[in-house]
Amino acid sequence: MRALNVHFPDYLVGSTIYHDMNIGPLAVYIIFFCTLIILLGLKESATFNVVITIFNVLLIFFIIILGSFNVNPSNWEPFFPSGFEAVILGSGTLFFSFIGFDAVSTLASEVKNPGRDLPIGIFGTLLMATVVYVAVAFVITGMVPYQLVSTTAPLAEAFDQVGIHWAGLLIALATISILSANILASLIAQPRIFYQMAIDGLLFKQFKRLDARNAPVFGILVTGILSATTGFFFSLEDMSNMVSVGTLMAFTIVNAGIIILRYRPIKNESDSTRIRSFFLRPQWIPFVVVMFIVFSTVFAICTKIVLPLWAHCLASFPLILVWIWLQFQKVMDVPKTFQCPLVPLIPCVGIIINVWIILSLPATSLCRVGVWTLLGLLIYFFYGLNHSCLSRFPLGFSE
């Protein structure tokens, strides 16, 4: 907004108080408003979310259509000005933009037929988001040379630079709506995650208490307070990188979980009917998956260092070896509804890509997420491990 000569008081938009440390009161205001909407109930918050999503979609189409009339194709040359490494870094930075489609899975209890509807919703939102983001990126980089694209308000300032000042001002104001939609989706999903974790015994009992509207009020309040606190002290760039790292870590765990669940032993299966696995027993699958993540980290680090070809081949050898070993394992548990195809190939490739992108993000973001991860591990080992519903089953496998 400052770039468009529109100024608001610091108590509204925030300011820098010490070097790179920022305070952002606007983030607190938006989170407080979204938290109130969610406390009214899932139906009301879903209605508000639909309204704000429709507005955002119309705004995006407005940007694409109006901007396409001001595109200069010469701005796309060269197409990869900073190389493929910059593409990976950029994909990691904006990965938080795709956080909405995984939030769909957290509302499984609200869906009549989750086995059919959730895959359609996840794939549909993922496809639409990808197409829209690619279209917007093409338009903005076509309007303005990539060297002149703003890092703080690229959409608004792109229109301002081509002389459409009224559109730039409108988009700058509407950015609050776009951020609110992302915040609302996260604030809806996170308390449900806390709720399910509490049901499984991994979090404190307060998180599974529901009010008369079946809303996890305690989880909503905790999520709102923690989100407002971090939003107040960290800039949007820092928050986006942290969310991207956290999301990529979650997707890495999901990929690992698919492998573990697909090959886990089935309870009550007799030894006479069980086909023995190649080299190792199925109970060792989690350890092998963890080692695969470690090997993926080593491989990603090696690709970012100038090393001879044989060193890169040597770093990839353990990954290939683990994948070949998994091919010889018996699939124990196949879902009856939607199932991930080409297991273990797709989960293994997903782990490698996610780890590679994570290591492309700033080290400060990795350290901050590491602190949060350490806090989560402490809660798990000192509380969740002893109260988990799975603890009564041998080897952690439930019925």
Foldseek 3Di string as FASTA:
>chain_A
DVVLVDDDDCCQQWDADDDQKTFGNVQLVLLVVLLVQVVVFPVSSVVVLVVLVVVVVVLLVVLLVVLVVQFAVVLCVPVCPPDVLVVLQVCLLQVLVLVLLVLLVLCCVVDPCCLPPSVCSSVVSVVVSVVSVVSNVNSLSRQDRPVPQDPPQRSLVSCVVVPNNVSSVVVVVSVSSVVSSSSSSCLQRQLSVQLVLVVQFLDDVLSVDADPNRRSSVSSVVVSVVSSVVNRTHDPSLVSSLSSLVVLVVLLVVLLVLLLLQQPADPPDDPVPDDAADPDGSLCSSVLSVVLLVLLLVLLVVVVDDDDPVVNVVSCVSLVVSQVSSVRGDGHDADPGDGDPPPPPVSSVSSSSSSNSSVSYDPVSVVVSVVVVVVSVVSRVVTVCVRGPQVVPPSSDDD
